[in-house]
Amino acid sequence: MSKVYLNNEEFHNEIVKCKKEGKISNELLDMFRLLIRRLNRKNITLYPELYEDFEQTALIDVLIAFDKYDPERTQSAFAFFSSVITFGLAKGYNTYFPKKCKGTVRLNFKNDDGKDVFNI
């Protein structure tokens, strides 16, 4: 795919075509990857070693959500898959950097062997 942008109409038409065929084409897969890379830009500089892991997590979520998209319900495939990708990237980020529960304090006490005695 030589383009560096996505046309919403072409994107929607490719999705409709692939849904009719029952499989995802290589062109649609390239479109998904282009959209994921565009939405994952900030993670390139912040976490270059984890960048591809975040992309793969988002791609898995897109492939799962592909069956959930209904072209008759909405014409905006771009909006639907952008939100799926955003949440997929967040899921990948939270895998490596889990959020701590608000209002709790985690204390690790170790014995002489270096093993955890208990967590609060």
PDB file of N, CA and C in Angstrom:
ATOM      1  N   MET A   1       0.847  -1.178   0.000  1.00  0.00           N
ATOM      2  CA  MET A   1       0.000   0.000   0.000  1.00  0.00           C
ATOM      3  C   MET A   1       0.886   1.232   0.000  1.00  0.00           C
ATOM      4  N   SER A   2       0.811   2.005  -1.055  1.00  0.00           N
ATOM      5  CA  SER A   2       1.695   3.149  -1.189  1.00  0.00           C
ATOM      6  C   SER A   2       1.137   4.401  -0.525  1.00  0.00           C
ATOM      7  N   LYS A   3      -0.130   4.409  -0.193  1.00  0.00           N
ATOM      8  CA  LYS A   3      -0.714   5.588   0.431  1.00  0.00           C
ATOM      9  C   LYS A   3      -0.266   5.713   1.879  1.00  0.00           C
ATOM     10  N   VAL A   4      -0.229   6.944   2.352  1.00  0.00           N
ATOM     11  CA  VAL A   4       0.105   7.177   3.752  1.00  0.00           C
ATOM     12  C   VAL A   4      -1.092   7.776   4.485  1.00  0.00           C
ATOM     13  N   TYR A   5      -2.255   7.696   3.896  1.00  0.00           N
ATOM     14  CA  TYR A   5      -3.475   8.181   4.524  1.00  0.00           C
ATOM     15  C   TYR A   5      -4.608   7.208   4.214  1.00  0.00           C
ATOM     16  N   LEU A   6      -5.698   7.349   4.961  1.00  0.00           N
ATOM     17  CA  LEU A   6      -6.871   6.507   4.740  1.00  0.00           C
ATOM     18  C   LEU A   6      -8.036   7.366   4.269  1.00  0.00           C
ATOM     19  N   ASN A   7      -8.682   6.941   3.230  1.00  0.00           N
ATOM     20  CA  ASN A   7      -9.913   7.566   2.785  1.00  0.00           C
ATOM     21  C   ASN A   7     -11.052   6.793   3.439  1.00  0.00           C
ATOM     22  N   ASN A   8     -11.939   7.503   4.140  1.00  0.00           N
ATOM     23  CA  ASN A   8     -13.002   6.843   4.889  1.00  0.00           C
ATOM     24  C   ASN A   8     -13.910   6.025   3.971  1.00  0.00           C
ATOM     25  N   GLU A   9     -14.194   6.533   2.787  1.00  0.00           N
ATOM     26  CA  GLU A   9     -15.068   5.814   1.864  1.00  0.00           C
ATOM     27  C   GLU A   9     -14.410   4.527   1.360  1.00  0.00           C
ATOM     28  N   GLU A  10     -13.131   4.601   0.983  1.00  0.00           N
ATOM     29  CA  GLU A  10     -12.416   3.400   0.544  1.00  0.00           C
ATOM     30  C   GLU A  10     -12.307   2.382   1.671  1.00  0.00           C
ATOM     31  N   PHE A  11     -12.053   2.879   2.867  1.00  0.00           N
ATOM     32  CA  PHE A  11     -11.949   2.016   4.041  1.00  0.00           C
ATOM     33  C   PHE A  11     -13.268   1.277   4.282  1.00  0.00           C
ATOM     34  N   HIS A  12     -14.369   2.023   4.241  1.00  0.00           N
ATOM     35  CA  HIS A  12     -15.694   1.425   4.447  1.00  0.00           C
ATOM     36  C   HIS A  12     -16.023   0.417   3.345  1.00  0.00           C
ATOM     37  N   ASN A  13     -15.741   0.774   2.095  1.00  0.00           N
ATOM     38  CA  ASN A  13     -16.036  -0.137   0.975  1.00  0.00           C
ATOM     39  C   ASN A  13     -15.225  -1.423   1.060  1.00  0.00           C
ATOM     40  N   GLU A  14     -13.970  -1.315   1.484  1.00  0.00           N
ATOM     41  CA  GLU A  14     -13.130  -2.510   1.629  1.00  0.00           C
ATOM     42  C   GLU A  14     -13.662  -3.418   2.748  1.00  0.00           C
ATOM     43  N   ILE A  15     -14.144  -2.817   3.814  1.00  0.00           N
ATOM     44  CA  ILE A  15     -14.715  -3.601   4.911  1.00  0.00           C
ATOM     45  C   ILE A  15     -15.974  -4.321   4.457  1.00  0.00           C
ATOM     46  N   VAL A  16     -16.844  -3.619   3.720  1.00  0.00           N
ATOM     47  CA  VAL A  16     -18.069  -4.247   3.204  1.00  0.00           C
ATOM     48  C   VAL A  16     -17.724  -5.405   2.285  1.00  0.00           C
ATOM     49  N   LYS A  17     -16.743  -5.202   1.402  1.00  0.00           N
ATOM     50  CA  LYS A  17     -16.316  -6.265   0.482  1.00  0.00           C
ATOM     51  C   LYS A  17     -15.791  -7.487   1.250  1.00  0.00           C
ATOM     52  N   CYS A  18     -14.978  -7.235   2.267  1.00  0.00           N
ATOM     53  CA  CYS A  18     -14.406  -8.338   3.045  1.00  0.00           C
ATOM     54  C   CYS A  18     -15.464  -9.054   3.878  1.00  0.00           C
ATOM     55  N   LYS A  19     -16.443  -8.313   4.364  1.00  0.00           N
ATOM     56  CA  LYS A  19     -17.514  -8.963   5.120  1.00  0.00           C
ATOM     57  C   LYS A  19     -18.324  -9.888   4.221  1.00  0.00           C
ATOM     58  N   LYS A  20     -18.553  -9.475   2.983  1.00  0.00           N
ATOM     59  CA  LYS A  20     -19.280 -10.318   2.034  1.00  0.00           C
ATOM     60  C   LYS A  20     -18.488 -11.579   1.701  1.00  0.00           C
ATOM     61  N   GLU A  21     -17.155 -11.437   1.569  1.00  0.00           N
ATOM     62  CA  GLU A  21     -16.303 -12.591   1.258  1.00  0.00           C
ATOM     63  C   GLU A  21     -16.072 -13.474   2.477  1.00  0.00           C
ATOM     64  N   GLY A  22     -16.222 -12.910   3.664  1.00  0.00           N
ATOM     65  CA  GLY A  22     -16.040 -13.681   4.879  1.00  0.00           C
ATOM     66  C   GLY A  22     -14.600 -13.789   5.342  1.00  0.00           C
ATOM     67  N   LYS A  23     -13.722 -12.967   4.770  1.00  0.00           N
ATOM     68  CA  LYS A  23     -12.324 -12.980   5.194  1.00  0.00           C
ATOM     69  C   LYS A  23     -11.730 -11.586   5.011  1.00  0.00           C
ATOM     70  N   ILE A  24     -10.643 -11.336   5.720  1.00  0.00           N
ATOM     71  CA  ILE A  24      -9.982 -10.041   5.675  1.00  0.00           C
ATOM     72  C   ILE A  24      -8.914 -10.076   4.577  1.00  0.00           C
ATOM     73  N   SER A  25      -8.977  -9.105   3.669  1.00  0.00           N
ATOM     74  CA  SER A  25      -8.001  -9.045   2.574  1.00  0.00           C
ATOM     75  C   SER A  25      -6.698  -8.421   3.067  1.00  0.00           C
ATOM     76  N   ASN A  26      -5.659  -8.594   2.276  1.00  0.00           N
ATOM     77  CA  ASN A  26      -4.363  -7.989   2.609  1.00  0.00           C
ATOM     78  C   ASN A  26      -4.435  -6.477   2.570  1.00  0.00           C
ATOM     79  N   GLU A  27      -5.232  -5.935   1.661  1.00  0.00           N
ATOM     80  CA  GLU A  27      -5.375  -4.476   1.571  1.00  0.00           C
ATOM     81  C   GLU A  27      -6.038  -3.916   2.830  1.00  0.00           C
ATOM     82  N   LEU A  28      -7.062  -4.597   3.317  1.00  0.00           N
ATOM     83  CA  LEU A  28      -7.717  -4.142   4.546  1.00  0.00           C
ATOM     84  C   LEU A  28      -6.784  -4.274   5.741  1.00  0.00           C
ATOM     85  N   LEU A  29      -6.013  -5.322   5.773  1.00  0.00           N
ATOM     86  CA  LEU A  29      -5.036  -5.499   6.849  1.00  0.00           C
ATOM     87  C   LEU A  29      -4.003  -4.373   6.837  1.00  0.00           C
ATOM     88  N   ASP A  30      -3.570  -3.979   5.636  1.00  0.00           N
ATOM     89  CA  ASP A  30      -2.646  -2.844   5.522  1.00  0.00           C
ATOM     90  C   ASP A  30      -3.302  -1.548   5.994  1.00  0.00           C
ATOM     91  N   MET A  31      -4.582  -1.389   5.701  1.00  0.00           N
ATOM     92  CA  MET A  31      -5.306  -0.200   6.167  1.00  0.00           C
ATOM     93  C   MET A  31      -5.377  -0.172   7.688  1.00  0.00           C
ATOM     94  N   PHE A  32      -5.653  -1.329   8.284  1.00  0.00           N
ATOM     95  CA  PHE A  32      -5.688  -1.406   9.748  1.00  0.00           C
ATOM     96  C   PHE A  32      -4.318  -1.065  10.338  1.00  0.00           C
ATOM     97  N   ARG A  33      -3.267  -1.607   9.756  1.00  0.00           N
ATOM     98  CA  ARG A  33      -1.910  -1.327  10.251  1.00  0.00           C
ATOM     99  C   ARG A  33      -1.550   0.150  10.130  1.00  0.00           C
ATOM    100  N   LEU A  34      -1.958   0.766   9.028  1.00  0.00           N
ATOM    101  CA  LEU A  34      -1.701   2.194   8.831  1.00  0.00           C
ATOM    102  C   LEU A  34      -2.423   3.017   9.898  1.00  0.00           C
ATOM    103  N   LEU A  35      -3.653   2.668  10.166  1.00  0.00           N
ATOM    104  CA  LEU A  35      -4.420   3.379  11.192  1.00  0.00           C
ATOM    105  C   LEU A  35      -3.819   3.165  12.578  1.00  0.00           C
ATOM    106  N   ILE A  36      -3.384   1.955  12.866  1.00  0.00           N
ATOM    107  CA  ILE A  36      -2.763   1.662  14.165  1.00  0.00           C
ATOM    108  C   ILE A  36      -1.472   2.454  14.325  1.00  0.00           C
ATOM    109  N   ARG A  37      -0.654   2.488  13.296  1.00  0.00           N
ATOM    110  CA  ARG A  37       0.611   3.244  13.387  1.00  0.00           C
ATOM    111  C   ARG A  37       0.357   4.728  13.593  1.00  0.00           C
ATOM    112  N   ARG A  38      -0.667   5.231  12.942  1.00  0.00           N
ATOM    113  CA  ARG A  38      -1.002   6.651  13.090  1.00  0.00           C
ATOM    114  C   ARG A  38      -1.458   6.964  14.517  1.00  0.00           C
ATOM    115  N   LEU A  39      -2.246   6.095  15.091  1.00  0.00           N
ATOM    116  CA  LEU A  39      -2.752   6.331  16.446  1.00  0.00           C
ATOM    117  C   LEU A  39      -1.722   5.997  17.521  1.00  0.00           C
ATOM    118  N   ASN A  40      -0.689   5.262  17.164  1.00  0.00           N
ATOM    119  CA  ASN A  40       0.322   4.836  18.129  1.00  0.00           C
ATOM    120  C   ASN A  40       1.592   5.681  18.043  1.00  0.00           C
ATOM    121  N   ARG A  41       1.523   6.842  17.415  1.00  0.00           N
ATOM    122  CA  ARG A  41       2.709   7.672  17.191  1.00  0.00           C
ATOM    123  C   ARG A  41       3.446   8.045  18.469  1.00  0.00           C
ATOM    124  N   LYS A  42       2.706   8.446  19.490  1.00  0.00           N
ATOM    125  CA  LYS A  42       3.389   8.952  20.688  1.00  0.00           C
ATOM    126  C   LYS A  42       4.183   7.865  21.407  1.00  0.00           C
ATOM    127  N   ASN A  43       3.801   6.610  21.255  1.00  0.00           N
ATOM    128  CA  ASN A  43       4.520   5.528  21.923  1.00  0.00           C
ATOM    129  C   ASN A  43       5.857   5.209  21.269  1.00  0.00           C
ATOM    130  N   ILE A  44       6.090   5.714  20.048  1.00  0.00           N
ATOM    131  CA  ILE A  44       7.378   5.476  19.389  1.00  0.00           C
ATOM    132  C   ILE A  44       8.496   6.117  20.188  1.00  0.00           C
ATOM    133  N   THR A  45       8.287   7.356  20.603  1.00  0.00           N
ATOM    134  CA  THR A  45       9.338   8.060  21.326  1.00  0.00           C
ATOM    135  C   THR A  45       9.365   7.703  22.801  1.00  0.00           C
ATOM    136  N   LEU A  46       8.200   7.428  23.386  1.00  0.00           N
ATOM    137  CA  LEU A  46       8.159   7.124  24.816  1.00  0.00           C
ATOM    138  C   LEU A  46       8.642   5.712  25.127  1.00  0.00           C
ATOM    139  N   TYR A  47       8.207   4.746  24.336  1.00  0.00           N
ATOM    140  CA  TYR A  47       8.528   3.337  24.596  1.00  0.00           C
ATOM    141  C   TYR A  47       8.914   2.646  23.291  1.00  0.00           C
ATOM    142  N   PRO A  48      10.074   2.956  22.732  1.00  0.00           N
ATOM    143  CA  PRO A  48      10.421   2.359  21.429  1.00  0.00           C
ATOM    144  C   PRO A  48      10.561   0.839  21.472  1.00  0.00           C
ATOM    145  N   GLU A  49      10.953   0.285  22.611  1.00  0.00           N
ATOM    146  CA  GLU A  49      11.122  -1.168  22.691  1.00  0.00           C
ATOM    147  C   GLU A  49       9.782  -1.905  22.813  1.00  0.00           C
ATOM    148  N   LEU A  50       8.722  -1.199  23.221  1.00  0.00           N
ATOM    149  CA  LEU A  50       7.406  -1.821  23.389  1.00  0.00           C
ATOM    150  C   LEU A  50       6.426  -1.428  22.289  1.00  0.00           C
ATOM    151  N   TYR A  51       6.865  -0.603  21.372  1.00  0.00           N
ATOM    152  CA  TYR A  51       5.997  -0.060  20.327  1.00  0.00           C
ATOM    153  C   TYR A  51       5.281  -1.158  19.539  1.00  0.00           C
ATOM    154  N   GLU A  52       6.013  -2.161  19.103  1.00  0.00           N
ATOM    155  CA  GLU A  52       5.410  -3.230  18.305  1.00  0.00           C
ATOM    156  C   GLU A  52       4.462  -4.091  19.128  1.00  0.00           C
ATOM    157  N   ASP A  53       4.749  -4.257  20.420  1.00  0.00           N
ATOM    158  CA  ASP A  53       3.842  -5.024  21.273  1.00  0.00           C
ATOM    159  C   ASP A  53       2.496  -4.317  21.401  1.00  0.00           C
ATOM    160  N   PHE A  54       2.533  -2.994  21.547  1.00  0.00           N
ATOM    161  CA  PHE A  54       1.287  -2.231  21.620  1.00  0.00           C
ATOM    162  C   PHE A  54       0.501  -2.366  20.317  1.00  0.00           C
ATOM    163  N   GLU A  55       1.209  -2.308  19.193  1.00  0.00           N
ATOM    164  CA  GLU A  55       0.552  -2.450  17.888  1.00  0.00           C
ATOM    165  C   GLU A  55      -0.105  -3.818  17.729  1.00  0.00           C
ATOM    166  N   GLN A  56       0.593  -4.866  18.156  1.00  0.00           N
ATOM    167  CA  GLN A  56       0.047  -6.210  18.009  1.00  0.00           C
ATOM    168  C   GLN A  56      -1.196  -6.416  18.875  1.00  0.00           C
ATOM    169  N   THR A  57      -1.183  -5.845  20.068  1.00  0.00           N
ATOM    170  CA  THR A  57      -2.357  -5.932  20.936  1.00  0.00           C
ATOM    171  C   THR A  57      -3.545  -5.238  20.284  1.00  0.00           C
ATOM    172  N   ALA A  58      -3.303  -4.067  19.701  1.00  0.00           N
ATOM    173  CA  ALA A  58      -4.377  -3.339  19.022  1.00  0.00           C
ATOM    174  C   ALA A  58      -4.866  -4.094  17.791  1.00  0.00           C
ATOM    175  N   LEU A  59      -3.952  -4.718  17.051  1.00  0.00           N
ATOM    176  CA  LEU A  59      -4.340  -5.466  15.850  1.00  0.00           C
ATOM    177  C   LEU A  59      -5.208  -6.669  16.212  1.00  0.00           C
ATOM    178  N   ILE A  60      -4.884  -7.342  17.292  1.00  0.00           N
ATOM    179  CA  ILE A  60      -5.716  -8.467  17.738  1.00  0.00           C
ATOM    180  C   ILE A  60      -7.120  -7.987  18.075  1.00  0.00           C
ATOM    181  N   ASP A  61      -7.218  -6.840  18.764  1.00  0.00           N
ATOM    182  CA  ASP A  61      -8.537  -6.298  19.101  1.00  0.00           C
ATOM    183  C   ASP A  61      -9.318  -5.905  17.849  1.00  0.00           C
ATOM    184  N   VAL A  62      -8.631  -5.371  16.840  1.00  0.00           N
ATOM    185  CA  VAL A  62      -9.291  -5.002  15.593  1.00  0.00           C
ATOM    186  C   VAL A  62      -9.828  -6.246  14.889  1.00  0.00           C
ATOM    187  N   LEU A  63      -9.050  -7.309  14.864  1.00  0.00           N
ATOM    188  CA  LEU A  63      -9.497  -8.535  14.201  1.00  0.00           C
ATOM    189  C   LEU A  63     -10.684  -9.158  14.925  1.00  0.00           C
ATOM    190  N   ILE A  64     -10.719  -9.029  16.241  1.00  0.00           N
ATOM    191  CA  ILE A  64     -11.876  -9.524  17.005  1.00  0.00           C
ATOM    192  C   ILE A  64     -13.102  -8.666  16.734  1.00  0.00           C
ATOM    193  N   ALA A  65     -12.903  -7.332  16.665  1.00  0.00           N
ATOM    194  CA  ALA A  65     -14.020  -6.405  16.484  1.00  0.00           C
ATOM    195  C   ALA A  65     -14.521  -6.351  15.043  1.00  0.00           C
ATOM    196  N   PHE A  66     -13.785  -6.929  14.119  1.00  0.00           N
ATOM    197  CA  PHE A  66     -14.183  -6.889  12.714  1.00  0.00           C
ATOM    198  C   PHE A  66     -15.568  -7.493  12.524  1.00  0.00           C
ATOM    199  N   ASP A  67     -15.867  -8.584  13.200  1.00  0.00           N
ATOM    200  CA  ASP A  67     -17.181  -9.212  13.080  1.00  0.00           C
ATOM    201  C   ASP A  67     -18.283  -8.390  13.739  1.00  0.00           C
ATOM    202  N   LYS A  68     -17.925  -7.555  14.689  1.00  0.00           N
ATOM    203  CA  LYS A  68     -18.929  -6.754  15.407  1.00  0.00           C
ATOM    204  C   LYS A  68     -19.358  -5.513  14.641  1.00  0.00           C
ATOM    205  N   TYR A  69     -18.570  -5.091  13.672  1.00  0.00           N
ATOM    206  CA  TYR A  69     -18.903  -3.889  12.919  1.00  0.00           C
ATOM    207  C   TYR A  69     -20.044  -4.176  11.955  1.00  0.00           C
ATOM    208  N   ASP A  70     -21.076  -3.319  11.996  1.00  0.00           N
ATOM    209  CA  ASP A  70     -22.245  -3.463  11.135  1.00  0.00           C
ATOM    210  C   ASP A  70     -22.268  -2.306  10.138  1.00  0.00           C
ATOM    211  N   PRO A  71     -21.946  -2.553   8.865  1.00  0.00           N
ATOM    212  CA  PRO A  71     -21.902  -1.462   7.880  1.00  0.00           C
ATOM    213  C   PRO A  71     -23.259  -0.821   7.610  1.00  0.00           C
ATOM    214  N   GLU A  72     -24.346  -1.544   7.833  1.00  0.00           N
ATOM    215  CA  GLU A  72     -25.668  -0.965   7.618  1.00  0.00           C
ATOM    216  C   GLU A  72     -26.054   0.008   8.729  1.00  0.00           C
ATOM    217  N   ARG A  73     -25.472  -0.189   9.883  1.00  0.00           N
ATOM    218  CA  ARG A  73     -25.813   0.660  11.034  1.00  0.00           C
ATOM    219  C   ARG A  73     -25.131   2.017  10.952  1.00  0.00           C
ATOM    220  N   THR A  74     -23.885   2.031  10.533  1.00  0.00           N
ATOM    221  CA  THR A  74     -23.138   3.283  10.437  1.00  0.00           C
ATOM    222  C   THR A  74     -22.189   3.242   9.244  1.00  0.00           C
ATOM    223  N   GLN A  75     -21.952   4.402   8.664  1.00  0.00           N
ATOM    224  CA  GLN A  75     -21.020   4.520   7.554  1.00  0.00           C
ATOM    225  C   GLN A  75     -19.613   4.867   8.025  1.00  0.00           C
ATOM    226  N   SER A  76     -19.466   5.163   9.310  1.00  0.00           N
ATOM    227  CA  SER A  76     -18.188   5.634   9.829  1.00  0.00           C
ATOM    228  C   SER A  76     -17.359   4.482  10.396  1.00  0.00           C
ATOM    229  N   ALA A  77     -16.757   3.731   9.510  1.00  0.00           N
ATOM    230  CA  ALA A  77     -15.878   2.638   9.935  1.00  0.00           C
ATOM    231  C   ALA A  77     -14.636   3.195  10.620  1.00  0.00           C
ATOM    232  N   PHE A  78     -14.208   4.362  10.156  1.00  0.00           N
ATOM    233  CA  PHE A  78     -13.013   4.987  10.710  1.00  0.00           C
ATOM    234  C   PHE A  78     -13.194   5.273  12.202  1.00  0.00           C
ATOM    235  N   ALA A  79     -14.350   5.814  12.579  1.00  0.00           N
ATOM    236  CA  ALA A  79     -14.606   6.128  13.987  1.00  0.00           C
ATOM    237  C   ALA A  79     -14.690   4.857  14.826  1.00  0.00           C
ATOM    238  N   PHE A  80     -15.358   3.845  14.314  1.00  0.00           N
ATOM    239  CA  PHE A  80     -15.505   2.590  15.054  1.00  0.00           C
ATOM    240  C   PHE A  80     -14.145   1.951  15.319  1.00  0.00           C
ATOM    241  N   PHE A  81     -13.351   1.799  14.284  1.00  0.00           N
ATOM    242  CA  PHE A  81     -12.067   1.119  14.443  1.00  0.00           C
ATOM    243  C   PHE A  81     -11.018   1.987  15.132  1.00  0.00           C
ATOM    244  N   SER A  82     -11.155   3.297  15.039  1.00  0.00           N
ATOM    245  CA  SER A  82     -10.248   4.168  15.789  1.00  0.00           C
ATOM    246  C   SER A  82     -10.433   3.978  17.286  1.00  0.00           C
ATOM    247  N   SER A  83     -11.686   3.860  17.721  1.00  0.00           N
ATOM    248  CA  SER A  83     -11.919   3.640  19.153  1.00  0.00           C
ATOM    249  C   SER A  83     -11.450   2.258  19.585  1.00  0.00           C
ATOM    250  N   VAL A  84     -11.641   1.250  18.740  1.00  0.00           N
ATOM    251  CA  VAL A  84     -11.160  -0.100  19.050  1.00  0.00           C
ATOM    252  C   VAL A  84      -9.638  -0.101  19.179  1.00  0.00           C
ATOM    253  N   ILE A  85      -8.973   0.588  18.269  1.00  0.00           N
ATOM    254  CA  ILE A  85      -7.511   0.652  18.301  1.00  0.00           C
ATOM    255  C   ILE A  85      -7.024   1.409  19.523  1.00  0.00           C
ATOM    256  N   THR A  86      -7.676   2.513  19.849  1.00  0.00           N
ATOM    257  CA  THR A  86      -7.270   3.291  21.021  1.00  0.00           C
ATOM    258  C   THR A  86      -7.350   2.450  22.289  1.00  0.00           C
ATOM    259  N   PHE A  87      -8.441   1.718  22.441  1.00  0.00           N
ATOM    260  CA  PHE A  87      -8.570   0.859  23.621  1.00  0.00           C
ATOM    261  C   PHE A  87      -7.602  -0.320  23.562  1.00  0.00           C
ATOM    262  N   GLY A  88      -7.309  -0.821  22.365  1.00  0.00           N
ATOM    263  CA  GLY A  88      -6.328  -1.895  22.225  1.00  0.00           C
ATOM    264  C   GLY A  88      -4.924  -1.443  22.587  1.00  0.00           C
ATOM    265  N   LEU A  89      -4.567  -0.224  22.188  1.00  0.00           N
ATOM    266  CA  LEU A  89      -3.265   0.325  22.568  1.00  0.00           C
ATOM    267  C   LEU A  89      -3.189   0.532  24.075  1.00  0.00           C
ATOM    268  N   ALA A  90      -4.292   0.992  24.661  1.00  0.00           N
ATOM    269  CA  ALA A  90      -4.326   1.180  26.123  1.00  0.00           C
ATOM    270  C   ALA A  90      -4.200  -0.164  26.834  1.00  0.00           C
ATOM    271  N   LYS A  91      -4.822  -1.200  26.277  1.00  0.00           N
ATOM    272  CA  LYS A  91      -4.699  -2.529  26.873  1.00  0.00           C
ATOM    273  C   LYS A  91      -3.253  -3.018  26.837  1.00  0.00           C
ATOM    274  N   GLY A  92      -2.577  -2.781  25.713  1.00  0.00           N
ATOM    275  CA  GLY A  92      -1.170  -3.152  25.607  1.00  0.00           C
ATOM    276  C   GLY A  92      -0.304  -2.381  26.582  1.00  0.00           C
ATOM    277  N   TYR A  93      -0.592  -1.093  26.731  1.00  0.00           N
ATOM    278  CA  TYR A  93       0.155  -0.263  27.688  1.00  0.00           C
ATOM    279  C   TYR A  93      -0.061  -0.756  29.118  1.00  0.00           C
ATOM    280  N   ASN A  94      -1.314  -1.045  29.456  1.00  0.00           N
ATOM    281  CA  ASN A  94      -1.639  -1.491  30.819  1.00  0.00           C
ATOM    282  C   ASN A  94      -1.084  -2.877  31.127  1.00  0.00           C
ATOM    283  N   THR A  95      -0.762  -3.652  30.105  1.00  0.00           N
ATOM    284  CA  THR A  95      -0.125  -4.945  30.331  1.00  0.00           C
ATOM    285  C   THR A  95       1.268  -4.754  30.923  1.00  0.00           C
ATOM    286  N   TYR A  96       1.982  -3.763  30.414  1.00  0.00           N
ATOM    287  CA  TYR A  96       3.342  -3.503  30.890  1.00  0.00           C
ATOM    288  C   TYR A  96       3.388  -2.548  32.081  1.00  0.00           C
ATOM    289  N   PHE A  97       2.417  -1.664  32.163  1.00  0.00           N
ATOM    290  CA  PHE A  97       2.393  -0.670  33.231  1.00  0.00           C
ATOM    291  C   PHE A  97       1.016  -0.682  33.887  1.00  0.00           C
ATOM    292  N   PRO A  98       0.739  -1.685  34.728  1.00  0.00           N
ATOM    293  CA  PRO A  98      -0.601  -1.780  35.322  1.00  0.00           C
ATOM    294  C   PRO A  98      -0.888  -0.601  36.247  1.00  0.00           C
ATOM    295  N   LYS A  99      -2.148  -0.204  36.256  1.00  0.00           N
ATOM    296  CA  LYS A  99      -2.562   0.888  37.130  1.00  0.00           C
ATOM    297  C   LYS A  99      -2.668   0.375  38.553  1.00  0.00           C
ATOM    298  N   LYS A 100      -2.306   1.217  39.458  1.00  0.00           N
ATOM    299  CA  LYS A 100      -2.443   0.866  40.862  1.00  0.00           C
ATOM    300  C   LYS A 100      -3.825   1.301  41.333  1.00  0.00           C
ATOM    301  N   CYS A 101      -4.365   0.578  42.272  1.00  0.00           N
ATOM    302  CA  CYS A 101      -5.671   0.919  42.813  1.00  0.00           C
ATOM    303  C   CYS A 101      -5.577   2.248  43.559  1.00  0.00           C
ATOM    304  N   LYS A 102      -6.519   3.112  43.302  1.00  0.00           N
ATOM    305  CA  LYS A 102      -6.512   4.424  43.930  1.00  0.00           C
ATOM    306  C   LYS A 102      -6.874   4.290  45.408  1.00  0.00           C
ATOM    307  N   GLY A 103      -6.097   4.947  46.256  1.00  0.00           N
ATOM    308  CA  GLY A 103      -6.402   4.949  47.683  1.00  0.00           C
ATOM    309  C   GLY A 103      -5.786   3.797  48.456  1.00  0.00           C
ATOM    310  N   THR A 104      -4.957   2.980  47.816  1.00  0.00           N
ATOM    311  CA  THR A 104      -4.315   1.880  48.526  1.00  0.00           C
ATOM    312  C   THR A 104      -2.810   2.070  48.503  1.00  0.00           C
ATOM    313  N   VAL A 105      -2.167   1.476  49.462  1.00  0.00           N
ATOM    314  CA  VAL A 105      -0.714   1.531  49.543  1.00  0.00           C
ATOM    315  C   VAL A 105      -0.204   0.102  49.502  1.00  0.00           C
ATOM    316  N   ARG A 106       0.759  -0.151  48.640  1.00  0.00           N
ATOM    317  CA  ARG A 106       1.311  -1.498  48.538  1.00  0.00           C
ATOM    318  C   ARG A 106       2.645  -1.517  49.274  1.00  0.00           C
ATOM    319  N   LEU A 107       2.745  -2.409  50.222  1.00  0.00           N
ATOM    320  CA  LEU A 107       3.972  -2.563  50.991  1.00  0.00           C
ATOM    321  C   LEU A 107       4.486  -3.971  50.814  1.00  0.00           C
ATOM    322  N   ASN A 108       5.718  -4.101  50.418  1.00  0.00           N
ATOM    323  CA  ASN A 108       6.361  -5.404  50.287  1.00  0.00           C
ATOM    324  C   ASN A 108       7.424  -5.518  51.364  1.00  0.00           C
ATOM    325  N   PHE A 109       7.313  -6.547  52.164  1.00  0.00           N
ATOM    326  CA  PHE A 109       8.326  -6.802  53.174  1.00  0.00           C
ATOM    327  C   PHE A 109       9.060  -8.072  52.785  1.00  0.00           C
ATOM    328  N   LYS A 110      10.347  -8.017  52.808  1.00  0.00           N
ATOM    329  CA  LYS A 110      11.148  -9.171  52.414  1.00  0.00           C
ATOM    330  C   LYS A 110      11.919  -9.687  53.618  1.00  0.00           C
ATOM    331  N   ASN A 111      12.053 -11.004  53.678  1.00  0.00           N
ATOM    332  CA  ASN A 111      12.850 -11.593  54.747  1.00  0.00           C
ATOM    333  C   ASN A 111      14.315 -11.640  54.318  1.00  0.00           C
ATOM    334  N   ASP A 112      15.159 -12.295  55.075  1.00  0.00           N
ATOM    335  CA  ASP A 112      16.598 -12.329  54.779  1.00  0.00           C
ATOM    336  C   ASP A 112      16.926 -13.057  53.479  1.00  0.00           C
ATOM    337  N   ASP A 113      16.029 -13.993  53.057  1.00  0.00           N
ATOM    338  CA  ASP A 113      16.253 -14.731  51.816  1.00  0.00           C
ATOM    339  C   ASP A 113      15.862 -13.912  50.572  1.00  0.00           C
ATOM    340  N   GLY A 114      15.247 -12.745  50.773  1.00  0.00           N
ATOM    341  CA  GLY A 114      14.801 -11.932  49.656  1.00  0.00           C
ATOM    342  C   GLY A 114      13.414 -12.288  49.158  1.00  0.00           C
ATOM    343  N   LYS A 115      12.689 -13.149  49.893  1.00  0.00           N
ATOM    344  CA  LYS A 115      11.357 -13.545  49.497  1.00  0.00           C
ATOM    345  C   LYS A 115      10.335 -12.637  50.181  1.00  0.00           C
ATOM    346  N   ASP A 116       9.192 -12.426  49.475  1.00  0.00           N
ATOM    347  CA  ASP A 116       8.130 -11.623  50.059  1.00  0.00           C
ATOM    348  C   ASP A 116       7.531 -12.333  51.266  1.00  0.00           C
ATOM    349  N   VAL A 117       7.380 -11.584  52.331  1.00  0.00           N
ATOM    350  CA  VAL A 117       6.725 -12.141  53.515  1.00  0.00           C
ATOM    351  C   VAL A 117       5.227 -11.927  53.406  1.00  0.00           C
ATOM    352  N   PHE A 118       4.813 -10.719  53.084  1.00  0.00           N
ATOM    353  CA  PHE A 118       3.398 -10.451  52.859  1.00  0.00           C
ATOM    354  C   PHE A 118       3.238  -9.136  52.108  1.00  0.00           C
ATOM    355  N   ASN A 119       2.091  -8.991  51.493  1.00  0.00           N
ATOM    356  CA  ASN A 119       1.710  -7.739  50.808  1.00  0.00           C
ATOM    357  C   ASN A 119       0.458  -7.201  51.488  1.00  0.00           C
ATOM    358  N   ILE A 120       0.402  -5.914  51.594  1.00  0.00           N
ATOM    359  CA  ILE A 120      -0.809  -5.287  52.150  1.00  0.00           C
ATOM    360  C   ILE A 120      -1.490  -4.532  51.035  1.00  0.00           C
TER     361      ILE A 120
END
